[in-house]
Amino acid sequence: LVVVWFRGQKFESGALSATACNDVSGIDVVD
């Protein structure tokens, strides 16, 4: 998985939220 970008949204009282954009094109899952 390649993280394209990461953006922090909110941080208070020890809790943090963020949004990330991931490139998953290189991942394969095989049965």
Full PDB file with SEQRES, HELIX, SHEET, SSBOND, CRYST1, ORIGX, SCALE, CONECT and MASTER records, all heavy atoms in Angstrom:
SEQRES   1 A   31  LEU VAL VAL VAL TRP PHE ARG GLY GLN LYS PHE GLU SER          
SEQRES   2 A   31  GLY ALA LEU SER ALA THR ALA CYS ASN ASP VAL SER GLY          
SEQRES   3 A   31  ILE ASP VAL VAL ASP                                          
SHEET    1 AA1 2 VAL A   2  GLU A  12  0                                        
SHEET    2 AA1 2 ALA A  15  ASP A  23 -1                                        
CRYST1    1.000    1.000    1.000  90.00  90.00  90.00 P 1           1          
ORIGX1      1.000000  0.000000  0.000000        0.00000                         
ORIGX2      0.000000  1.000000  0.000000        0.00000                         
ORIGX3      0.000000  0.000000  1.000000        0.00000                         
SCALE1      1.000000  0.000000  0.000000        0.00000                         
SCALE2      0.000000  1.000000  0.000000        0.00000                         
SCALE3      0.000000  0.000000  1.000000        0.00000                         
ATOM      1  N   LEU A   1       0.861  -1.167   0.000  1.00  0.00           N  
ATOM      2  CA  LEU A   1       0.000   0.000   0.000  1.00  0.00           C  
ATOM      3  C   LEU A   1       0.907   1.228   0.000  1.00  0.00           C  
ATOM      4  O   LEU A   1       1.899   1.259   0.721  1.00  0.00           O  
ATOM      5  CB  LEU A   1      -0.880  -0.011   1.256  1.00  0.00           C  
ATOM      6  CG  LEU A   1      -1.808   1.163   1.460  1.00  0.00           C  
ATOM      7  CD1 LEU A   1      -3.106   0.690   2.087  1.00  0.00           C  
ATOM      8  CD2 LEU A   1      -1.185   2.224   2.320  1.00  0.00           C  
ATOM      9  N   VAL A   2       0.581   2.218  -0.809  1.00  0.00           N  
ATOM     10  CA  VAL A   2       1.365   3.454  -0.861  1.00  0.00           C  
ATOM     11  C   VAL A   2       0.486   4.597  -0.374  1.00  0.00           C  
ATOM     12  O   VAL A   2      -0.598   4.830  -0.920  1.00  0.00           O  
ATOM     13  CB  VAL A   2       1.861   3.742  -2.300  1.00  0.00           C  
ATOM     14  CG1 VAL A   2       2.592   5.074  -2.364  1.00  0.00           C  
ATOM     15  CG2 VAL A   2       2.738   2.604  -2.795  1.00  0.00           C  
ATOM     16  N   VAL A   3       0.944   5.287   0.671  1.00  0.00           N  
ATOM     17  CA  VAL A   3       0.212   6.448   1.177  1.00  0.00           C  
ATOM     18  C   VAL A   3       0.555   7.629   0.268  1.00  0.00           C  
ATOM     19  O   VAL A   3       1.703   8.064   0.207  1.00  0.00           O  
ATOM     20  CB  VAL A   3       0.580   6.766   2.642  1.00  0.00           C  
ATOM     21  CG1 VAL A   3      -0.185   7.998   3.121  1.00  0.00           C  
ATOM     22  CG2 VAL A   3       0.303   5.566   3.543  1.00  0.00           C  
ATOM     23  N   VAL A   4      -0.446   8.127  -0.453  1.00  0.00           N  
ATOM     24  CA  VAL A   4      -0.252   9.232  -1.380  1.00  0.00           C  
ATOM     25  C   VAL A   4      -0.217  10.554  -0.624  1.00  0.00           C  
ATOM     26  O   VAL A   4       0.636  11.394  -0.854  1.00  0.00           O  
ATOM     27  CB  VAL A   4      -1.360   9.238  -2.456  1.00  0.00           C  
ATOM     28  CG1 VAL A   4      -1.224  10.428  -3.396  1.00  0.00           C  
ATOM     29  CG2 VAL A   4      -1.342   7.938  -3.231  1.00  0.00           C  
ATOM     30  N   TRP A   5      -1.179  10.742   0.276  1.00  0.00           N  
ATOM     31  CA  TRP A   5      -1.171  11.911   1.158  1.00  0.00           C  
ATOM     32  C   TRP A   5      -1.861  11.582   2.469  1.00  0.00           C  
ATOM     33  O   TRP A   5      -2.635  10.636   2.567  1.00  0.00           O  
ATOM     34  CB  TRP A   5      -1.758  13.166   0.514  1.00  0.00           C  
ATOM     35  CG  TRP A   5      -3.115  13.105  -0.126  1.00  0.00           C  
ATOM     36  CD1 TRP A   5      -3.367  13.066  -1.468  1.00  0.00           C  
ATOM     37  CD2 TRP A   5      -4.408  13.119   0.509  1.00  0.00           C  
ATOM     38  NE1 TRP A   5      -4.729  13.043  -1.699  1.00  0.00           N  
ATOM     39  CE2 TRP A   5      -5.385  13.079  -0.495  1.00  0.00           C  
ATOM     40  CE3 TRP A   5      -4.838  13.148   1.827  1.00  0.00           C  
ATOM     41  CZ2 TRP A   5      -6.753  13.071  -0.233  1.00  0.00           C  
ATOM     42  CZ3 TRP A   5      -6.198  13.142   2.104  1.00  0.00           C  
ATOM     43  CH2 TRP A   5      -7.135  13.108   1.082  1.00  0.00           C  
ATOM     44  N   PHE A   6      -1.532  12.371   3.482  1.00  0.00           N  
ATOM     45  CA  PHE A   6      -2.066  12.222   4.833  1.00  0.00           C  
ATOM     46  C   PHE A   6      -2.421  13.613   5.331  1.00  0.00           C  
ATOM     47  O   PHE A   6      -1.596  14.528   5.231  1.00  0.00           O  
ATOM     48  CB  PHE A   6      -1.000  11.588   5.745  1.00  0.00           C  
ATOM     49  CG  PHE A   6      -1.441  11.402   7.174  1.00  0.00           C  
ATOM     50  CD1 PHE A   6      -1.897  10.172   7.608  1.00  0.00           C  
ATOM     51  CD2 PHE A   6      -1.384  12.451   8.087  1.00  0.00           C  
ATOM     52  CE1 PHE A   6      -2.298   9.992   8.924  1.00  0.00           C  
ATOM     53  CE2 PHE A   6      -1.783  12.276   9.404  1.00  0.00           C  
ATOM     54  CZ  PHE A   6      -2.244  11.038   9.825  1.00  0.00           C  
ATOM     55  N   ARG A   7      -3.624  13.780   5.850  1.00  0.00           N  
ATOM     56  CA  ARG A   7      -4.046  15.092   6.357  1.00  0.00           C  
ATOM     57  C   ARG A   7      -4.661  14.961   7.735  1.00  0.00           C  
ATOM     58  O   ARG A   7      -5.687  14.293   7.909  1.00  0.00           O  
ATOM     59  CB  ARG A   7      -5.065  15.717   5.408  1.00  0.00           C  
ATOM     60  CG  ARG A   7      -4.453  16.018   4.066  1.00  0.00           C  
ATOM     61  CD  ARG A   7      -5.240  17.057   3.309  1.00  0.00           C  
ATOM     62  NE  ARG A   7      -4.547  17.323   2.060  1.00  0.00           N  
ATOM     63  CZ  ARG A   7      -4.943  16.882   0.877  1.00  0.00           C  
ATOM     64  NH1 ARG A   7      -6.041  16.175   0.777  1.00  0.00           N  
ATOM     65  NH2 ARG A   7      -4.252  17.157  -0.204  1.00  0.00           N  
ATOM     66  N   GLY A   8      -4.028  15.620   8.689  1.00  0.00           N  
ATOM     67  CA  GLY A   8      -4.605  15.670  10.024  1.00  0.00           C  
ATOM     68  C   GLY A   8      -5.867  16.507  10.005  1.00  0.00           C  
ATOM     69  O   GLY A   8      -5.937  17.523   9.321  1.00  0.00           O  
ATOM     70  N   GLN A   9      -6.873  16.081  10.743  1.00  0.00           N  
ATOM     71  CA  GLN A   9      -8.148  16.793  10.789  1.00  0.00           C  
ATOM     72  C   GLN A   9      -8.359  17.491  12.133  1.00  0.00           C  
ATOM     73  O   GLN A   9      -8.675  18.666  12.179  1.00  0.00           O  
ATOM     74  CB  GLN A   9      -9.312  15.824  10.541  1.00  0.00           C  
ATOM     75  CG  GLN A   9      -9.212  15.073   9.235  1.00  0.00           C  
ATOM     76  CD  GLN A   9      -9.370  15.963   8.027  1.00  0.00           C  
ATOM     77  OE1 GLN A   9     -10.221  16.829   7.991  1.00  0.00           O  
ATOM     78  NE2 GLN A   9      -8.515  15.767   7.040  1.00  0.00           N  
ATOM     79  N   LYS A  10      -8.196  16.739  13.212  1.00  0.00           N  
ATOM     80  CA  LYS A  10      -8.528  17.271  14.538  1.00  0.00           C  
ATOM     81  C   LYS A  10      -7.680  16.564  15.589  1.00  0.00           C  
ATOM     82  O   LYS A  10      -7.476  15.351  15.514  1.00  0.00           O  
ATOM     83  CB  LYS A  10     -10.014  17.029  14.803  1.00  0.00           C  
ATOM     84  CG  LYS A  10     -10.538  17.554  16.094  1.00  0.00           C  
ATOM     85  CD  LYS A  10     -12.039  17.274  16.162  1.00  0.00           C  
ATOM     86  CE  LYS A  10     -12.597  17.626  17.517  1.00  0.00           C  
ATOM     87  NZ  LYS A  10     -14.014  17.262  17.624  1.00  0.00           N  
ATOM     88  N   PHE A  11      -7.205  17.341  16.561  1.00  0.00           N  
ATOM     89  CA  PHE A  11      -6.467  16.754  17.681  1.00  0.00           C  
ATOM     90  C   PHE A  11      -6.837  17.478  18.956  1.00  0.00           C  
ATOM     91  O   PHE A  11      -6.603  18.675  19.088  1.00  0.00           O  
ATOM     92  CB  PHE A  11      -4.958  16.842  17.447  1.00  0.00           C  
ATOM     93  CG  PHE A  11      -4.147  16.241  18.581  1.00  0.00           C  
ATOM     94  CD1 PHE A  11      -4.343  14.930  18.961  1.00  0.00           C  
ATOM     95  CD2 PHE A  11      -3.201  16.986  19.251  1.00  0.00           C  
ATOM     96  CE1 PHE A  11      -3.604  14.355  19.986  1.00  0.00           C  
ATOM     97  CE2 PHE A  11      -2.454  16.430  20.279  1.00  0.00           C  
ATOM     98  CZ  PHE A  11      -2.657  15.117  20.640  1.00  0.00           C  
ATOM     99  N   GLU A  12      -7.461  16.744  19.866  1.00  0.00           N  
ATOM    100  CA  GLU A  12      -7.772  17.304  21.179  1.00  0.00           C  
ATOM    101  C   GLU A  12      -8.007  16.182  22.173  1.00  0.00           C  
ATOM    102  O   GLU A  12      -8.468  15.101  21.805  1.00  0.00           O  
ATOM    103  CB  GLU A  12      -8.969  18.258  21.118  1.00  0.00           C  
ATOM    104  CG  GLU A  12     -10.296  17.619  20.818  1.00  0.00           C  
ATOM    105  CD  GLU A  12     -11.422  18.644  20.749  1.00  0.00           C  
ATOM    106  OE1 GLU A  12     -11.245  19.665  20.072  1.00  0.00           O  
ATOM    107  OE2 GLU A  12     -12.464  18.408  21.379  1.00  0.00           O  
ATOM    108  N   SER A  13      -7.647  16.445  23.379  1.00  0.00           N  
ATOM    109  CA  SER A  13      -7.844  15.494  24.474  1.00  0.00           C  
ATOM    110  C   SER A  13      -7.263  14.115  24.179  1.00  0.00           C  
ATOM    111  O   SER A  13      -7.858  13.104  24.528  1.00  0.00           O  
ATOM    112  CB  SER A  13      -9.325  15.371  24.820  1.00  0.00           C  
ATOM    113  OG  SER A  13      -9.845  16.616  25.168  1.00  0.00           O  
ATOM    114  N   GLY A  14      -6.138  14.074  23.507  1.00  0.00           N  
ATOM    115  CA  GLY A  14      -5.474  12.805  23.256  1.00  0.00           C  
ATOM    116  C   GLY A  14      -6.069  11.975  22.133  1.00  0.00           C  
ATOM    117  O   GLY A  14      -5.656  10.850  21.915  1.00  0.00           O  
ATOM    118  N   ALA A  15      -7.039  12.527  21.412  1.00  0.00           N  
ATOM    119  CA  ALA A  15      -7.628  11.815  20.272  1.00  0.00           C  
ATOM    120  C   ALA A  15      -7.317  12.600  19.009  1.00  0.00           C  
ATOM    121  O   ALA A  15      -7.377  13.824  19.001  1.00  0.00           O  
ATOM    122  CB  ALA A  15      -9.129  11.674  20.453  1.00  0.00           C  
ATOM    123  N   LEU A  16      -6.980  11.889  17.962  1.00  0.00           N  
ATOM    124  CA  LEU A  16      -6.616  12.531  16.705  1.00  0.00           C  
ATOM    125  C   LEU A  16      -7.364  11.857  15.569  1.00  0.00           C  
ATOM    126  O   LEU A  16      -7.490  10.631  15.545  1.00  0.00           O  
ATOM    127  CB  LEU A  16      -5.111  12.403  16.491  1.00  0.00           C  
ATOM    128  CG  LEU A  16      -4.509  13.128  15.296  1.00  0.00           C  
ATOM    129  CD1 LEU A  16      -3.123  13.615  15.627  1.00  0.00           C  
ATOM    130  CD2 LEU A  16      -4.462  12.253  14.065  1.00  0.00           C  
ATOM    131  N   SER A  17      -7.853  12.658  14.633  1.00  0.00           N  
ATOM    132  CA  SER A  17      -8.477  12.102  13.433  1.00  0.00           C  
ATOM    133  C   SER A  17      -7.749  12.651  12.214  1.00  0.00           C  
ATOM    134  O   SER A  17      -7.214  13.760  12.245  1.00  0.00           O  
ATOM    135  CB  SER A  17      -9.971  12.421  13.378  1.00  0.00           C  
ATOM    136  OG  SER A  17     -10.176  13.814  13.361  1.00  0.00           O  
ATOM    137  N   ALA A  18      -7.726  11.848  11.171  1.00  0.00           N  
ATOM    138  CA  ALA A  18      -7.029  12.225   9.947  1.00  0.00           C  
ATOM    139  C   ALA A  18      -7.682  11.519   8.768  1.00  0.00           C  
ATOM    140  O   ALA A  18      -8.477  10.593   8.936  1.00  0.00           O  
ATOM    141  CB  ALA A  18      -5.554  11.839  10.034  1.00  0.00           C  
ATOM    142  N   THR A  19      -7.325  11.967   7.586  1.00  0.00           N  
ATOM    143  CA  THR A  19      -7.737  11.319   6.348  1.00  0.00           C  
ATOM    144  C   THR A  19      -6.473  11.017   5.562  1.00  0.00           C  
ATOM    145  O   THR A  19      -5.543  11.815   5.550  1.00  0.00           O  
ATOM    146  CB  THR A  19      -8.658  12.236   5.512  1.00  0.00           C  
ATOM    147  OG1 THR A  19      -9.763  12.618   6.319  1.00  0.00           O  
ATOM    148  CG2 THR A  19      -9.167  11.531   4.274  1.00  0.00           C  
ATOM    149  N   ALA A  20      -6.449   9.856   4.917  1.00  0.00           N  
ATOM    150  CA  ALA A  20      -5.310   9.490   4.088  1.00  0.00           C  
ATOM    151  C   ALA A  20      -5.829   8.991   2.748  1.00  0.00           C  
ATOM    152  O   ALA A  20      -6.933   8.459   2.648  1.00  0.00           O  
ATOM    153  CB  ALA A  20      -4.469   8.409   4.757  1.00  0.00           C  
ATOM    154  N   CYS A  21      -5.005   9.176   1.733  1.00  0.00           N  
ATOM    155  CA  CYS A  21      -5.304   8.667   0.399  1.00  0.00           C  
ATOM    156  C   CYS A  21      -4.262   7.594   0.101  1.00  0.00           C  
ATOM    157  O   CYS A  21      -3.058   7.852   0.168  1.00  0.00           O  
ATOM    158  CB  CYS A  21      -5.224   9.803  -0.620  1.00  0.00           C  
ATOM    159  SG  CYS A  21      -5.532   9.270  -2.318  1.00  0.00           S  
ATOM    160  N   ASN A  22      -4.754   6.393  -0.210  1.00  0.00           N  
ATOM    161  CA  ASN A  22      -3.873   5.255  -0.431  1.00  0.00           C  
ATOM    162  C   ASN A  22      -3.979   4.736  -1.858  1.00  0.00           C  
ATOM    163  O   ASN A  22      -5.075   4.599  -2.390  1.00  0.00           O  
ATOM    164  CB  ASN A  22      -4.242   4.110   0.525  1.00  0.00           C  
ATOM    165  CG  ASN A  22      -4.136   4.513   1.964  1.00  0.00           C  
ATOM    166  OD1 ASN A  22      -3.222   5.213   2.359  1.00  0.00           O  
ATOM    167  ND2 ASN A  22      -5.083   4.066   2.767  1.00  0.00           N  
ATOM    168  N   ASP A  23      -2.833   4.407  -2.421  1.00  0.00           N  
ATOM    169  CA  ASP A  23      -2.777   3.730  -3.711  1.00  0.00           C  
ATOM    170  C   ASP A  23      -2.645   2.241  -3.400  1.00  0.00           C  
ATOM    171  O   ASP A  23      -1.641   1.794  -2.847  1.00  0.00           O  
ATOM    172  CB  ASP A  23      -1.574   4.228  -4.507  1.00  0.00           C  
ATOM    173  CG  ASP A  23      -1.444   3.569  -5.870  1.00  0.00           C  
ATOM    174  OD1 ASP A  23      -2.101   2.536  -6.118  1.00  0.00           O  
ATOM    175  OD2 ASP A  23      -0.650   4.080  -6.684  1.00  0.00           O  
ATOM    176  N   VAL A  24      -3.683   1.479  -3.743  1.00  0.00           N  
ATOM    177  CA  VAL A  24      -3.689   0.043  -3.468  1.00  0.00           C  
ATOM    178  C   VAL A  24      -3.514  -0.780  -4.746  1.00  0.00           C  
ATOM    179  O   VAL A  24      -3.697  -2.001  -4.741  1.00  0.00           O  
ATOM    180  CB  VAL A  24      -4.990  -0.381  -2.733  1.00  0.00           C  
ATOM    181  CG1 VAL A  24      -5.079   0.288  -1.372  1.00  0.00           C  
ATOM    182  CG2 VAL A  24      -6.223  -0.083  -3.568  1.00  0.00           C  
ATOM    183  N   SER A  25      -3.133  -0.116  -5.829  1.00  0.00           N  
ATOM    184  CA  SER A  25      -3.023  -0.800  -7.121  1.00  0.00           C  
ATOM    185  C   SER A  25      -1.982  -1.917  -7.122  1.00  0.00           C  
ATOM    186  O   SER A  25      -2.088  -2.855  -7.907  1.00  0.00           O  
ATOM    187  CB  SER A  25      -2.714   0.200  -8.238  1.00  0.00           C  
ATOM    188  OG  SER A  25      -1.461   0.829  -8.020  1.00  0.00           O  
ATOM    189  N   GLY A  26      -0.986  -1.850  -6.251  1.00  0.00           N  
ATOM    190  CA  GLY A  26       0.053  -2.871  -6.216  1.00  0.00           C  
ATOM    191  C   GLY A  26      -0.262  -4.036  -5.300  1.00  0.00           C  
ATOM    192  O   GLY A  26       0.557  -4.943  -5.144  1.00  0.00           O  
ATOM    193  N   ILE A  27      -1.437  -4.064  -4.698  1.00  0.00           N  
ATOM    194  CA  ILE A  27      -1.795  -5.136  -3.763  1.00  0.00           C  
ATOM    195  C   ILE A  27      -2.687  -6.159  -4.458  1.00  0.00           C  
ATOM    196  O   ILE A  27      -3.646  -5.814  -5.139  1.00  0.00           O  
ATOM    197  CB  ILE A  27      -2.529  -4.565  -2.534  1.00  0.00           C  
ATOM    198  CG1 ILE A  27      -1.594  -3.640  -1.753  1.00  0.00           C  
ATOM    199  CG2 ILE A  27      -3.045  -5.693  -1.636  1.00  0.00           C  
ATOM    200  CD1 ILE A  27      -2.251  -2.939  -0.591  1.00  0.00           C  
ATOM    201  N   ASP A  28      -2.345  -7.436  -4.259  1.00  0.00           N  
ATOM    202  CA  ASP A  28      -3.182  -8.512  -4.759  1.00  0.00           C  
ATOM    203  C   ASP A  28      -3.474  -9.464  -3.600  1.00  0.00           C  
ATOM    204  O   ASP A  28      -2.627  -9.676  -2.732  1.00  0.00           O  
ATOM    205  CB  ASP A  28      -2.493  -9.266  -5.903  1.00  0.00           C  
ATOM    206  CG  ASP A  28      -3.466 -10.136  -6.697  1.00  0.00           C  
ATOM    207  OD1 ASP A  28      -4.698  -9.959  -6.541  1.00  0.00           O  
ATOM    208  OD2 ASP A  28      -2.989 -10.985  -7.475  1.00  0.00           O  
ATOM    209  N   VAL A  29      -4.659 -10.002  -3.594  1.00  0.00           N  
ATOM    210  CA  VAL A  29      -5.084 -10.998  -2.602  1.00  0.00           C  
ATOM    211  C   VAL A  29      -5.550 -12.203  -3.398  1.00  0.00           C  
ATOM    212  O   VAL A  29      -6.414 -12.087  -4.280  1.00  0.00           O  
ATOM    213  CB  VAL A  29      -6.214 -10.448  -1.700  1.00  0.00           C  
ATOM    214  CG1 VAL A  29      -6.637 -11.491  -0.679  1.00  0.00           C  
ATOM    215  CG2 VAL A  29      -5.787  -9.158  -1.016  1.00  0.00           C  
ATOM    216  N   VAL A  30      -4.963 -13.369  -3.091  1.00  0.00           N  
ATOM    217  CA  VAL A  30      -5.186 -14.579  -3.884  1.00  0.00           C  
ATOM    218  C   VAL A  30      -5.720 -15.682  -2.980  1.00  0.00           C  
ATOM    219  O   VAL A  30      -5.236 -15.866  -1.856  1.00  0.00           O  
ATOM    220  CB  VAL A  30      -3.857 -15.013  -4.552  1.00  0.00           C  
ATOM    221  CG1 VAL A  30      -4.032 -16.282  -5.358  1.00  0.00           C  
ATOM    222  CG2 VAL A  30      -3.316 -13.897  -5.428  1.00  0.00           C  
ATOM    223  N   ASP A  31      -6.700 -16.434  -3.470  1.00  0.00           N  
ATOM    224  CA  ASP A  31      -7.257 -17.536  -2.673  1.00  0.00           C  
ATOM    225  C   ASP A  31      -6.352 -18.761  -2.733  1.00  0.00           C  
ATOM    226  O   ASP A  31      -5.306 -18.752  -3.401  1.00  0.00           O  
ATOM    227  CB  ASP A  31      -8.696 -17.854  -3.097  1.00  0.00           C  
ATOM    228  CG  ASP A  31      -8.820 -18.491  -4.469  1.00  0.00           C  
ATOM    229  OD1 ASP A  31      -7.804 -18.937  -5.051  1.00  0.00           O  
ATOM    230  OD2 ASP A  31      -9.958 -18.546  -4.973  1.00  0.00           O  
TER     231      ASP A  31                                                      
MASTER        0    0    0    0    2    0    0    6  230    1    0    3          
END                                                                             
